[in-house]
Amino acid sequence: MTTGEKKKYNMKNKCSICSKDKGRRECKLKENTEICSRCCAENRSSDCEECPHYVQAEKYAVEKMKNAGSNGMILRIDPEVDKAVDDALILMEKGKIAKSESLIKDLLDKHPDIHTVQFAMGTILANKKNYADAIVYFDKCTEIFPYCLEAWFNKGSAYMCMADVGNALKSFQKVIDYGDKDEDFVITAGERVREIKGVISKTTGLSFDEYIQSSDAFAQGFSDMNAGNYEKAIKGFNKVLSFEKNHVQSYGNIGLCHAYLGDKQAALTAFDRALAIDPDYGPALGNKQILLALGDDEKMEDIQAKPVDYYKEKVLTKKWWQRK
């Protein structure tokens, strides 16, 4: 499967084994005919070694053994639940989002320990553009089953849509780390990682590791700023500037921190540095005007800063959601 392509299911085809349920998975042992998820699970054998569903099932079996608790309980695979998940995601693809979400919510109430259910809710929320909430469910999915390539891939796509390039790269890298090199997900994830690294190198001059460190420092500095830890936040933004000396958002946020601390001159200097890099940078323009309007003894009001997207305009995002 190539970038931008979604798997389509022929809803008229019955499973070539049971002839009852819809065929959704191409089976090489059945001359590439489509079979249902239940028959896929029930007929899976060592002859299926080249099939990605077999590979994931084997990894899942290993993970079940690793995660067996002291009470003897292990993680579950349930073909009936997988079929219900498939049906719900088909409804999503047909545009029946509300019905699909309702079915998955019901499955979540009954089977929160099954990774495919968590994955499905994340995918539905991602299609609704609720990316932050989607990531929560992709995280739950990979906590249950770390080898779910679809969840890592969709998590990376969600981060890209949120302009969080650092976490997107980490997620796509997990696909590469956990998958086999010939799998579609791994190939596409590799393409995305190379593409993002190319954009980063071209626009910032940073290596992948340097970009991740810079991105993490910016995120921590912004968190400290919102928590009122302004001196610590300034150190964080200065760390970003040690990687990229013309990072306009960091200068703008340093200006805000100084303004909140009552150091008007330092704040104006930082705002001017930001505007020297980008004369149209709105946050610095607006905050400088506010600061200049204050009296000598006045301090900028300490308000909650709005999130700043990290290199959002420099990264071309693609909205493509994979399903199982």
C-alpha atoms as a PDB file:
ATOM      1  CA  MET A   1       0.000   0.000   0.000  1.00  0.00           C
ATOM      2  CA  THR A   2       1.456   3.336  -1.002  1.00  0.00           C
ATOM      3  CA  THR A   3       1.277   6.748   0.627  1.00  0.00           C
ATOM      4  CA  GLY A   4      -2.147   8.334   0.348  1.00  0.00           C
ATOM      5  CA  GLU A   5      -3.857   5.056  -0.479  1.00  0.00           C
ATOM      6  CA  LYS A   6      -6.485   3.544   1.780  1.00  0.00           C
ATOM      7  CA  LYS A   7      -7.463  -0.090   1.733  1.00  0.00           C
ATOM      8  CA  LYS A   8     -10.897  -0.583   0.220  1.00  0.00           C
ATOM      9  CA  TYR A   9     -13.123  -3.522   0.996  1.00  0.00           C
ATOM     10  CA  ASN A  10     -15.516  -5.086  -1.470  1.00  0.00           C
ATOM     11  CA  MET A  11     -18.599  -5.350   0.687  1.00  0.00           C
ATOM     12  CA  LYS A  12     -20.234  -7.791  -1.743  1.00  0.00           C
ATOM     13  CA  ASN A  13     -17.588 -10.508  -1.279  1.00  0.00           C
ATOM     14  CA  LYS A  14     -18.193 -13.208   1.290  1.00  0.00           C
ATOM     15  CA  CYS A  15     -15.387 -14.903   3.156  1.00  0.00           C
ATOM     16  CA  SER A  16     -13.966 -17.609   0.897  1.00  0.00           C
ATOM     17  CA  ILE A  17     -13.766 -20.031   3.867  1.00  0.00           C
ATOM     18  CA  CYS A  18     -17.001 -19.699   5.840  1.00  0.00           C
ATOM     19  CA  SER A  19     -19.113 -17.889   3.216  1.00  0.00           C
ATOM     20  CA  LYS A  20     -20.907 -16.092   6.048  1.00  0.00           C
ATOM     21  CA  ASP A  21     -19.073 -12.912   6.984  1.00  0.00           C
ATOM     22  CA  LYS A  22     -17.589 -10.337   4.648  1.00  0.00           C
ATOM     23  CA  GLY A  23     -14.094 -10.996   3.372  1.00  0.00           C
ATOM     24  CA  ARG A  24     -11.737  -8.284   4.602  1.00  0.00           C
ATOM     25  CA  ARG A  25      -8.250  -9.816   4.622  1.00  0.00           C
ATOM     26  CA  GLU A  26      -6.472 -11.102   1.547  1.00  0.00           C
ATOM     27  CA  CYS A  27      -5.286 -14.673   2.192  1.00  0.00           C
ATOM     28  CA  LYS A  28      -2.328 -15.962   0.182  1.00  0.00           C
ATOM     29  CA  LEU A  29      -3.104 -19.562   1.137  1.00  0.00           C
ATOM     30  CA  LYS A  30      -6.564 -19.181  -0.403  1.00  0.00           C
ATOM     31  CA  GLU A  31      -5.242 -17.902  -3.723  1.00  0.00           C
ATOM     32  CA  ASN A  32      -5.378 -14.275  -2.557  1.00  0.00           C
ATOM     33  CA  THR A  33      -9.116 -14.385  -1.969  1.00  0.00           C
ATOM     34  CA  GLU A  34     -10.604 -12.387   0.894  1.00  0.00           C
ATOM     35  CA  ILE A  35     -11.431 -14.028   4.216  1.00  0.00           C
ATOM     36  CA  CYS A  36     -13.019 -12.701   7.392  1.00  0.00           C
ATOM     37  CA  SER A  37     -11.039 -11.845  10.530  1.00  0.00           C
ATOM     38  CA  ARG A  38     -12.523 -14.826  12.410  1.00  0.00           C
ATOM     39  CA  CYS A  39     -11.393 -17.372   9.801  1.00  0.00           C
ATOM     40  CA  CYS A  40      -8.040 -15.621   9.590  1.00  0.00           C
ATOM     41  CA  ALA A  41      -7.497 -16.208  13.311  1.00  0.00           C
ATOM     42  CA  GLU A  42      -8.895 -19.743  13.366  1.00  0.00           C
ATOM     43  CA  ASN A  43      -6.954 -21.014  10.323  1.00  0.00           C
ATOM     44  CA  ARG A  44      -3.664 -19.249  10.970  1.00  0.00           C
ATOM     45  CA  SER A  45      -0.638 -21.583  10.888  1.00  0.00           C
ATOM     46  CA  SER A  46       3.090 -21.631  10.226  1.00  0.00           C
ATOM     47  CA  ASP A  47       2.270 -21.678   6.510  1.00  0.00           C
ATOM     48  CA  CYS A  48       1.197 -18.037   6.945  1.00  0.00           C
ATOM     49  CA  GLU A  49       4.653 -16.797   7.903  1.00  0.00           C
ATOM     50  CA  GLU A  50       4.804 -14.164   5.156  1.00  0.00           C
ATOM     51  CA  CYS A  51       1.419 -12.698   6.073  1.00  0.00           C
ATOM     52  CA  PRO A  52       1.543  -9.476   8.177  1.00  0.00           C
ATOM     53  CA  HIS A  53      -1.432 -10.690  10.253  1.00  0.00           C
ATOM     54  CA  TYR A  54       0.520 -13.821  11.164  1.00  0.00           C
ATOM     55  CA  VAL A  55       3.610 -11.784  12.053  1.00  0.00           C
ATOM     56  CA  GLN A  56       1.628  -9.519  14.356  1.00  0.00           C
ATOM     57  CA  ALA A  57      -0.169 -12.478  15.924  1.00  0.00           C
ATOM     58  CA  GLU A  58       3.171 -14.126  16.709  1.00  0.00           C
ATOM     59  CA  LYS A  59       4.525 -10.929  18.241  1.00  0.00           C
ATOM     60  CA  TYR A  60       1.336 -10.571  20.235  1.00  0.00           C
ATOM     61  CA  ALA A  61       1.671 -14.108  21.582  1.00  0.00           C
ATOM     62  CA  VAL A  62       5.170 -13.306  22.813  1.00  0.00           C
ATOM     63  CA  GLU A  63       3.943 -10.092  24.381  1.00  0.00           C
ATOM     64  CA  LYS A  64       1.133 -11.944  26.155  1.00  0.00           C
ATOM     65  CA  MET A  65       3.653 -14.194  27.823  1.00  0.00           C
ATOM     66  CA  LYS A  66       5.777 -11.234  28.875  1.00  0.00           C
ATOM     67  CA  ASN A  67       2.803  -9.441  30.357  1.00  0.00           C
ATOM     68  CA  ALA A  68       1.267 -12.361  32.233  1.00  0.00           C
ATOM     69  CA  GLY A  69       0.561 -11.015  35.722  1.00  0.00           C
ATOM     70  CA  SER A  70       1.012 -12.627  39.058  1.00  0.00           C
ATOM     71  CA  ASN A  71      -2.738 -13.327  39.131  1.00  0.00           C
ATOM     72  CA  GLY A  72      -2.389 -15.508  36.025  1.00  0.00           C
ATOM     73  CA  MET A  73      -4.365 -13.130  33.787  1.00  0.00           C
ATOM     74  CA  ILE A  74      -2.993 -12.383  30.316  1.00  0.00           C
ATOM     75  CA  LEU A  75      -3.954 -10.030  27.536  1.00  0.00           C
ATOM     76  CA  ARG A  76      -6.718 -11.184  25.262  1.00  0.00           C
ATOM     77  CA  ILE A  77      -7.302 -11.734  21.554  1.00  0.00           C
ATOM     78  CA  ASP A  78     -10.975 -12.122  20.650  1.00  0.00           C
ATOM     79  CA  PRO A  79     -11.945 -12.777  16.992  1.00  0.00           C
ATOM     80  CA  GLU A  80     -15.532 -11.750  17.737  1.00  0.00           C
ATOM     81  CA  VAL A  81     -14.358  -8.385  19.021  1.00  0.00           C
ATOM     82  CA  ASP A  82     -11.996  -7.986  16.059  1.00  0.00           C
ATOM     83  CA  LYS A  83     -14.906  -8.577  13.712  1.00  0.00           C
ATOM     84  CA  ALA A  84     -17.001  -5.970  15.535  1.00  0.00           C
ATOM     85  CA  VAL A  85     -14.098  -3.520  15.284  1.00  0.00           C
ATOM     86  CA  ASP A  86     -13.819  -4.188  11.544  1.00  0.00           C
ATOM     87  CA  ASP A  87     -17.533  -3.594  11.101  1.00  0.00           C
ATOM     88  CA  ALA A  88     -17.363  -0.319  13.028  1.00  0.00           C
ATOM     89  CA  LEU A  89     -14.412   0.951  11.004  1.00  0.00           C
ATOM     90  CA  ILE A  90     -16.195   0.059   7.764  1.00  0.00           C
ATOM     91  CA  LEU A  91     -19.070   2.272   8.934  1.00  0.00           C
ATOM     92  CA  MET A  92     -16.535   5.034   9.551  1.00  0.00           C
ATOM     93  CA  GLU A  93     -15.197   4.674   6.005  1.00  0.00           C
ATOM     94  CA  LYS A  94     -18.752   4.930   4.691  1.00  0.00           C
ATOM     95  CA  GLY A  95     -19.175   8.239   6.545  1.00  0.00           C
ATOM     96  CA  LYS A  96     -21.326   6.905   9.370  1.00  0.00           C
ATOM     97  CA  ILE A  97     -19.012   8.341  12.027  1.00  0.00           C
ATOM     98  CA  ALA A  98     -21.539   8.698  14.843  1.00  0.00           C
ATOM     99  CA  LYS A  99     -22.727   5.097  14.517  1.00  0.00           C
ATOM    100  CA  SER A 100     -19.151   3.829  14.259  1.00  0.00           C
ATOM    101  CA  GLU A 101     -18.081   5.768  17.348  1.00  0.00           C
ATOM    102  CA  SER A 102     -21.097   4.538  19.298  1.00  0.00           C
ATOM    103  CA  LEU A 103     -20.253   0.903  18.532  1.00  0.00           C
ATOM    104  CA  ILE A 104     -16.619   1.342  19.550  1.00  0.00           C
ATOM    105  CA  LYS A 105     -17.588   3.130  22.778  1.00  0.00           C
ATOM    106  CA  ASP A 106     -19.729   0.127  23.653  1.00  0.00           C
ATOM    107  CA  LEU A 107     -16.806  -2.198  22.914  1.00  0.00           C
ATOM    108  CA  LEU A 108     -14.533  -0.028  25.054  1.00  0.00           C
ATOM    109  CA  ASP A 109     -16.881  -0.412  28.010  1.00  0.00           C
ATOM    110  CA  LYS A 110     -16.795  -4.188  27.637  1.00  0.00           C
ATOM    111  CA  HIS A 111     -13.276  -4.831  26.330  1.00  0.00           C
ATOM    112  CA  PRO A 112     -10.888  -2.022  27.312  1.00  0.00           C
ATOM    113  CA  ASP A 113      -8.028  -4.540  27.468  1.00  0.00           C
ATOM    114  CA  ILE A 114      -8.155  -5.430  23.760  1.00  0.00           C
ATOM    115  CA  HIS A 115      -5.759  -3.325  21.716  1.00  0.00           C
ATOM    116  CA  THR A 116      -7.815  -3.306  18.511  1.00  0.00           C
ATOM    117  CA  VAL A 117     -10.672  -1.550  20.322  1.00  0.00           C
ATOM    118  CA  GLN A 118      -8.361   1.187  21.580  1.00  0.00           C
ATOM    119  CA  PHE A 119      -6.885   1.492  18.095  1.00  0.00           C
ATOM    120  CA  ALA A 120     -10.329   1.838  16.523  1.00  0.00           C
ATOM    121  CA  MET A 121     -11.357   4.672  18.842  1.00  0.00           C
ATOM    122  CA  GLY A 122      -8.108   6.489  18.096  1.00  0.00           C
ATOM    123  CA  THR A 123      -8.664   6.107  14.352  1.00  0.00           C
ATOM    124  CA  ILE A 124     -12.237   7.406  14.555  1.00  0.00           C
ATOM    125  CA  LEU A 125     -11.182  10.428  16.609  1.00  0.00           C
ATOM    126  CA  ALA A 126      -8.337  11.110  14.173  1.00  0.00           C
ATOM    127  CA  ASN A 127     -10.810  11.120  11.297  1.00  0.00           C
ATOM    128  CA  LYS A 128     -12.819  13.664  13.296  1.00  0.00           C
ATOM    129  CA  LYS A 129      -9.600  15.726  13.573  1.00  0.00           C
ATOM    130  CA  ASN A 130      -9.541  15.267  17.348  1.00  0.00           C
ATOM    131  CA  TYR A 131      -5.851  14.488  17.137  1.00  0.00           C
ATOM    132  CA  ALA A 132      -4.887  14.981  20.780  1.00  0.00           C
ATOM    133  CA  ASP A 133      -7.665  12.652  21.961  1.00  0.00           C
ATOM    134  CA  ALA A 134      -6.798  10.155  19.232  1.00  0.00           C
ATOM    135  CA  ILE A 135      -3.223   9.966  20.484  1.00  0.00           C
ATOM    136  CA  VAL A 136      -4.477   9.017  23.957  1.00  0.00           C
ATOM    137  CA  TYR A 137      -6.127   5.905  22.495  1.00  0.00           C
ATOM    138  CA  PHE A 138      -3.180   5.048  20.260  1.00  0.00           C
ATOM    139  CA  ASP A 139      -1.039   5.214  23.412  1.00  0.00           C
ATOM    140  CA  LYS A 140      -3.403   2.823  25.194  1.00  0.00           C
ATOM    141  CA  CYS A 141      -3.270   0.486  22.198  1.00  0.00           C
ATOM    142  CA  THR A 142       0.521   0.352  22.168  1.00  0.00           C
ATOM    143  CA  GLU A 143       0.637  -0.048  25.952  1.00  0.00           C
ATOM    144  CA  ILE A 144      -1.389  -3.240  25.512  1.00  0.00           C
ATOM    145  CA  PHE A 145       0.376  -4.365  22.331  1.00  0.00           C
ATOM    146  CA  PRO A 146       3.608  -2.479  21.548  1.00  0.00           C
ATOM    147  CA  TYR A 147       3.897  -4.098  18.102  1.00  0.00           C
ATOM    148  CA  CYS A 148       0.718  -2.601  16.645  1.00  0.00           C
ATOM    149  CA  LEU A 149       2.270  -0.899  13.630  1.00  0.00           C
ATOM    150  CA  GLU A 150      -1.004   0.732  12.589  1.00  0.00           C
ATOM    151  CA  ALA A 151      -1.289   2.500  15.948  1.00  0.00           C
ATOM    152  CA  TRP A 152       2.287   3.814  15.821  1.00  0.00           C
ATOM    153  CA  PHE A 153       1.754   4.953  12.239  1.00  0.00           C
ATOM    154  CA  ASN A 154      -1.532   6.728  12.919  1.00  0.00           C
ATOM    155  CA  LYS A 155      -0.058   8.254  16.060  1.00  0.00           C
ATOM    156  CA  GLY A 156       2.745   9.672  13.940  1.00  0.00           C
ATOM    157  CA  SER A 157       0.216  11.042  11.457  1.00  0.00           C
ATOM    158  CA  ALA A 158      -1.766  12.654  14.291  1.00  0.00           C
ATOM    159  CA  TYR A 159       1.361  14.333  15.609  1.00  0.00           C
ATOM    160  CA  MET A 160       2.136  15.601  12.112  1.00  0.00           C
ATOM    161  CA  CYS A 161      -1.322  17.176  11.889  1.00  0.00           C
ATOM    162  CA  MET A 162      -0.605  18.853  15.237  1.00  0.00           C
ATOM    163  CA  ALA A 163       2.761  20.082  13.853  1.00  0.00           C
ATOM    164  CA  ASP A 164       4.593  18.102  16.547  1.00  0.00           C
ATOM    165  CA  VAL A 165       7.346  16.879  14.264  1.00  0.00           C
ATOM    166  CA  GLY A 166       9.554  15.486  17.016  1.00  0.00           C
ATOM    167  CA  ASN A 167       6.941  13.066  18.334  1.00  0.00           C
ATOM    168  CA  ALA A 168       5.840  12.239  14.791  1.00  0.00           C
ATOM    169  CA  LEU A 169       9.367  11.130  13.972  1.00  0.00           C
ATOM    170  CA  LYS A 170       9.567   9.043  17.147  1.00  0.00           C
ATOM    171  CA  SER A 171       6.290   7.306  16.275  1.00  0.00           C
ATOM    172  CA  PHE A 172       7.230   6.571  12.660  1.00  0.00           C
ATOM    173  CA  GLN A 173      10.579   5.260  13.874  1.00  0.00           C
ATOM    174  CA  LYS A 174       8.731   2.749  16.096  1.00  0.00           C
ATOM    175  CA  VAL A 175       7.026   1.394  12.973  1.00  0.00           C
ATOM    176  CA  ILE A 176      10.446   0.843  11.427  1.00  0.00           C
ATOM    177  CA  ASP A 177      11.884  -0.653  14.625  1.00  0.00           C
ATOM    178  CA  TYR A 178       9.039  -3.121  15.217  1.00  0.00           C
ATOM    179  CA  GLY A 179       8.053  -4.023  11.671  1.00  0.00           C
ATOM    180  CA  ASP A 180       9.660  -6.069   8.926  1.00  0.00           C
ATOM    181  CA  LYS A 181      11.408  -4.094   6.209  1.00  0.00           C
ATOM    182  CA  ASP A 182       9.145  -5.394   3.433  1.00  0.00           C
ATOM    183  CA  GLU A 183       5.881  -4.465   5.174  1.00  0.00           C
ATOM    184  CA  ASP A 184       3.857  -1.628   3.683  1.00  0.00           C
ATOM    185  CA  PHE A 185       3.712   0.266   6.962  1.00  0.00           C
ATOM    186  CA  VAL A 186       7.474   0.083   7.393  1.00  0.00           C
ATOM    187  CA  ILE A 187       8.162   1.196   3.832  1.00  0.00           C
ATOM    188  CA  THR A 188       5.780   4.154   4.117  1.00  0.00           C
ATOM    189  CA  ALA A 189       7.047   5.107   7.581  1.00  0.00           C
ATOM    190  CA  GLY A 190      10.573   5.065   6.213  1.00  0.00           C
ATOM    191  CA  GLU A 191       9.538   7.370   3.386  1.00  0.00           C
ATOM    192  CA  ARG A 192       7.977   9.787   5.858  1.00  0.00           C
ATOM    193  CA  VAL A 193      10.992   9.778   8.144  1.00  0.00           C
ATOM    194  CA  ARG A 194      13.298  10.502   5.220  1.00  0.00           C
ATOM    195  CA  GLU A 195      10.996  13.228   3.952  1.00  0.00           C
ATOM    196  CA  ILE A 196      10.743  14.907   7.368  1.00  0.00           C
ATOM    197  CA  LYS A 197      14.480  14.659   7.969  1.00  0.00           C
ATOM    198  CA  GLY A 198      15.038  16.267   4.579  1.00  0.00           C
ATOM    199  CA  VAL A 199      12.730  19.168   5.440  1.00  0.00           C
ATOM    200  CA  ILE A 200      14.413  19.579   8.839  1.00  0.00           C
ATOM    201  CA  SER A 201      17.895  19.587   7.324  1.00  0.00           C
ATOM    202  CA  LYS A 202      16.925  22.005   4.569  1.00  0.00           C
ATOM    203  CA  THR A 203      15.027  24.476   6.759  1.00  0.00           C
ATOM    204  CA  THR A 204      17.001  24.331  10.006  1.00  0.00           C
ATOM    205  CA  GLY A 205      20.365  22.787   9.183  1.00  0.00           C
ATOM    206  CA  LEU A 206      19.919  20.438  12.126  1.00  0.00           C
ATOM    207  CA  SER A 207      20.505  16.712  12.258  1.00  0.00           C
ATOM    208  CA  PHE A 208      17.688  14.424  13.363  1.00  0.00           C
ATOM    209  CA  ASP A 209      19.095  14.075  16.908  1.00  0.00           C
ATOM    210  CA  GLU A 210      19.696  17.811  17.219  1.00  0.00           C
ATOM    211  CA  TYR A 211      16.159  18.550  16.070  1.00  0.00           C
ATOM    212  CA  ILE A 212      14.676  16.158  18.643  1.00  0.00           C
ATOM    213  CA  GLN A 213      16.734  17.774  21.413  1.00  0.00           C
ATOM    214  CA  SER A 214      15.716  21.231  20.250  1.00  0.00           C
ATOM    215  CA  SER A 215      12.058  20.234  19.960  1.00  0.00           C
ATOM    216  CA  ASP A 216      12.055  18.677  23.432  1.00  0.00           C
ATOM    217  CA  ALA A 217      13.734  21.768  24.895  1.00  0.00           C
ATOM    218  CA  PHE A 218      11.118  24.016  23.307  1.00  0.00           C
ATOM    219  CA  ALA A 219       8.264  21.871  24.642  1.00  0.00           C
ATOM    220  CA  GLN A 220       9.751  21.889  28.146  1.00  0.00           C
ATOM    221  CA  GLY A 221      10.362  25.630  28.027  1.00  0.00           C
ATOM    222  CA  PHE A 222       6.792  26.265  26.943  1.00  0.00           C
ATOM    223  CA  SER A 223       5.487  24.013  29.723  1.00  0.00           C
ATOM    224  CA  ASP A 224       7.598  25.898  32.275  1.00  0.00           C
ATOM    225  CA  MET A 225       6.342  29.227  30.936  1.00  0.00           C
ATOM    226  CA  ASN A 226       2.719  28.165  31.302  1.00  0.00           C
ATOM    227  CA  ALA A 227       3.471  26.955  34.830  1.00  0.00           C
ATOM    228  CA  GLY A 228       4.885  30.366  35.765  1.00  0.00           C
ATOM    229  CA  ASN A 229       8.481  29.121  36.001  1.00  0.00           C
ATOM    230  CA  TYR A 230       9.742  31.948  33.830  1.00  0.00           C
ATOM    231  CA  GLU A 231      13.454  31.853  34.675  1.00  0.00           C
ATOM    232  CA  LYS A 232      13.540  28.107  34.001  1.00  0.00           C
ATOM    233  CA  ALA A 233      11.572  28.641  30.780  1.00  0.00           C
ATOM    234  CA  ILE A 234      14.101  31.229  29.577  1.00  0.00           C
ATOM    235  CA  LYS A 235      16.872  28.653  30.040  1.00  0.00           C
ATOM    236  CA  GLY A 236      14.868  26.162  27.990  1.00  0.00           C
ATOM    237  CA  PHE A 237      14.304  28.583  25.122  1.00  0.00           C
ATOM    238  CA  ASN A 238      17.982  29.566  25.205  1.00  0.00           C
ATOM    239  CA  LYS A 239      18.802  25.886  24.794  1.00  0.00           C
ATOM    240  CA  VAL A 240      16.700  25.879  21.629  1.00  0.00           C
ATOM    241  CA  LEU A 241      18.662  28.908  20.410  1.00  0.00           C
ATOM    242  CA  SER A 242      21.900  27.020  21.003  1.00  0.00           C
ATOM    243  CA  PHE A 243      20.726  24.638  18.266  1.00  0.00           C
ATOM    244  CA  GLU A 244      19.063  27.196  15.989  1.00  0.00           C
ATOM    245  CA  LYS A 245      20.114  30.783  16.535  1.00  0.00           C
ATOM    246  CA  ASN A 246      17.240  32.204  14.470  1.00  0.00           C
ATOM    247  CA  HIS A 247      14.365  30.387  16.169  1.00  0.00           C
ATOM    248  CA  VAL A 248      11.854  33.206  16.221  1.00  0.00           C
ATOM    249  CA  GLN A 249       9.335  31.576  18.589  1.00  0.00           C
ATOM    250  CA  SER A 250      11.963  31.147  21.282  1.00  0.00           C
ATOM    251  CA  TYR A 251      12.918  34.807  21.162  1.00  0.00           C
ATOM    252  CA  GLY A 252       9.242  35.739  21.340  1.00  0.00           C
ATOM    253  CA  ASN A 253       8.665  33.524  24.351  1.00  0.00           C
ATOM    254  CA  ILE A 254      11.806  34.764  26.079  1.00  0.00           C
ATOM    255  CA  GLY A 255      10.375  38.260  25.654  1.00  0.00           C
ATOM    256  CA  LEU A 256       7.128  37.175  27.273  1.00  0.00           C
ATOM    257  CA  CYS A 257       8.939  35.602  30.215  1.00  0.00           C
ATOM    258  CA  HIS A 258      10.986  38.753  30.833  1.00  0.00           C
ATOM    259  CA  ALA A 259       7.810  40.838  30.572  1.00  0.00           C
ATOM    260  CA  TYR A 260       6.075  38.686  33.166  1.00  0.00           C
ATOM    261  CA  LEU A 261       9.133  39.014  35.426  1.00  0.00           C
ATOM    262  CA  GLY A 262       8.937  42.799  35.116  1.00  0.00           C
ATOM    263  CA  ASP A 263      12.148  43.228  33.096  1.00  0.00           C
ATOM    264  CA  LYS A 264      10.769  45.509  30.408  1.00  0.00           C
ATOM    265  CA  GLN A 265      14.059  46.256  28.654  1.00  0.00           C
ATOM    266  CA  ALA A 266      15.073  42.581  28.379  1.00  0.00           C
ATOM    267  CA  ALA A 267      11.601  41.785  27.048  1.00  0.00           C
ATOM    268  CA  LEU A 268      11.800  44.487  24.381  1.00  0.00           C
ATOM    269  CA  THR A 269      15.252  43.274  23.360  1.00  0.00           C
ATOM    270  CA  ALA A 270      13.940  39.728  22.882  1.00  0.00           C
ATOM    271  CA  PHE A 271      10.886  40.912  20.934  1.00  0.00           C
ATOM    272  CA  ASP A 272      13.172  42.973  18.683  1.00  0.00           C
ATOM    273  CA  ARG A 273      15.400  39.947  18.089  1.00  0.00           C
ATOM    274  CA  ALA A 274      12.327  37.952  17.020  1.00  0.00           C
ATOM    275  CA  LEU A 275      11.158  40.729  14.708  1.00  0.00           C
ATOM    276  CA  ALA A 276      14.622  41.116  13.191  1.00  0.00           C
ATOM    277  CA  ILE A 277      14.299  37.491  12.051  1.00  0.00           C
ATOM    278  CA  ASP A 278      10.657  37.757  11.002  1.00  0.00           C
ATOM    279  CA  PRO A 279       9.220  41.291  10.836  1.00  0.00           C
ATOM    280  CA  ASP A 280       5.705  39.853  10.432  1.00  0.00           C
ATOM    281  CA  TYR A 281       5.833  37.590  13.500  1.00  0.00           C
ATOM    282  CA  GLY A 282       2.458  38.445  15.038  1.00  0.00           C
ATOM    283  CA  PRO A 283       2.996  37.388  18.677  1.00  0.00           C
ATOM    284  CA  ALA A 284       6.106  39.561  19.060  1.00  0.00           C
ATOM    285  CA  LEU A 285       4.439  42.522  17.323  1.00  0.00           C
ATOM    286  CA  GLY A 286       1.381  42.338  19.552  1.00  0.00           C
ATOM    287  CA  ASN A 287       3.226  41.727  22.805  1.00  0.00           C
ATOM    288  CA  LYS A 288       5.697  44.546  22.105  1.00  0.00           C
ATOM    289  CA  GLN A 289       2.813  46.977  21.599  1.00  0.00           C
ATOM    290  CA  ILE A 290       1.197  45.862  24.852  1.00  0.00           C
ATOM    291  CA  LEU A 291       4.469  46.261  26.730  1.00  0.00           C
ATOM    292  CA  LEU A 292       5.168  49.725  25.306  1.00  0.00           C
ATOM    293  CA  ALA A 293       1.706  50.867  26.369  1.00  0.00           C
ATOM    294  CA  LEU A 294       2.430  50.023  30.005  1.00  0.00           C
ATOM    295  CA  GLY A 295       3.654  52.597  32.481  1.00  0.00           C
ATOM    296  CA  ASP A 296       7.135  52.437  33.966  1.00  0.00           C
ATOM    297  CA  ASP A 297       5.905  50.756  37.142  1.00  0.00           C
ATOM    298  CA  GLU A 298       3.463  48.426  35.417  1.00  0.00           C
ATOM    299  CA  LYS A 299       4.156  44.778  34.637  1.00  0.00           C
ATOM    300  CA  MET A 300       2.576  42.766  31.864  1.00  0.00           C
ATOM    301  CA  GLU A 301      -0.363  40.779  33.172  1.00  0.00           C
ATOM    302  CA  ASP A 302       0.502  37.150  33.778  1.00  0.00           C
ATOM    303  CA  ILE A 303      -1.868  35.292  31.466  1.00  0.00           C
ATOM    304  CA  GLN A 304      -1.873  31.784  30.108  1.00  0.00           C
ATOM    305  CA  ALA A 305       0.066  31.759  26.856  1.00  0.00           C
ATOM    306  CA  LYS A 306      -1.449  30.126  23.818  1.00  0.00           C
ATOM    307  CA  PRO A 307       0.365  27.086  22.431  1.00  0.00           C
ATOM    308  CA  VAL A 308       2.903  27.852  19.728  1.00  0.00           C
ATOM    309  CA  ASP A 309       3.262  25.298  16.942  1.00  0.00           C
ATOM    310  CA  TYR A 310       6.877  24.249  16.472  1.00  0.00           C
ATOM    311  CA  TYR A 311       7.956  24.842  12.854  1.00  0.00           C
ATOM    312  CA  LYS A 312       4.364  24.352  11.735  1.00  0.00           C
ATOM    313  CA  GLU A 313       4.699  26.342   8.551  1.00  0.00           C
ATOM    314  CA  LYS A 314       7.900  24.538   7.587  1.00  0.00           C
ATOM    315  CA  VAL A 315       6.445  21.046   7.509  1.00  0.00           C
ATOM    316  CA  LEU A 316       4.104  19.675   4.850  1.00  0.00           C
ATOM    317  CA  THR A 317       1.641  17.367   6.588  1.00  0.00           C
ATOM    318  CA  LYS A 318      -0.334  14.555   4.993  1.00  0.00           C
ATOM    319  CA  LYS A 319      -3.584  13.363   6.506  1.00  0.00           C
ATOM    320  CA  TRP A 320      -3.793   9.651   5.891  1.00  0.00           C
ATOM    321  CA  TRP A 321      -5.265   7.183   8.339  1.00  0.00           C
ATOM    322  CA  GLN A 322      -4.530   3.483   8.216  1.00  0.00           C
ATOM    323  CA  ARG A 323      -6.835   0.831   9.571  1.00  0.00           C
ATOM    324  CA  LYS A 324      -6.098  -2.794  10.344  1.00  0.00           C
END
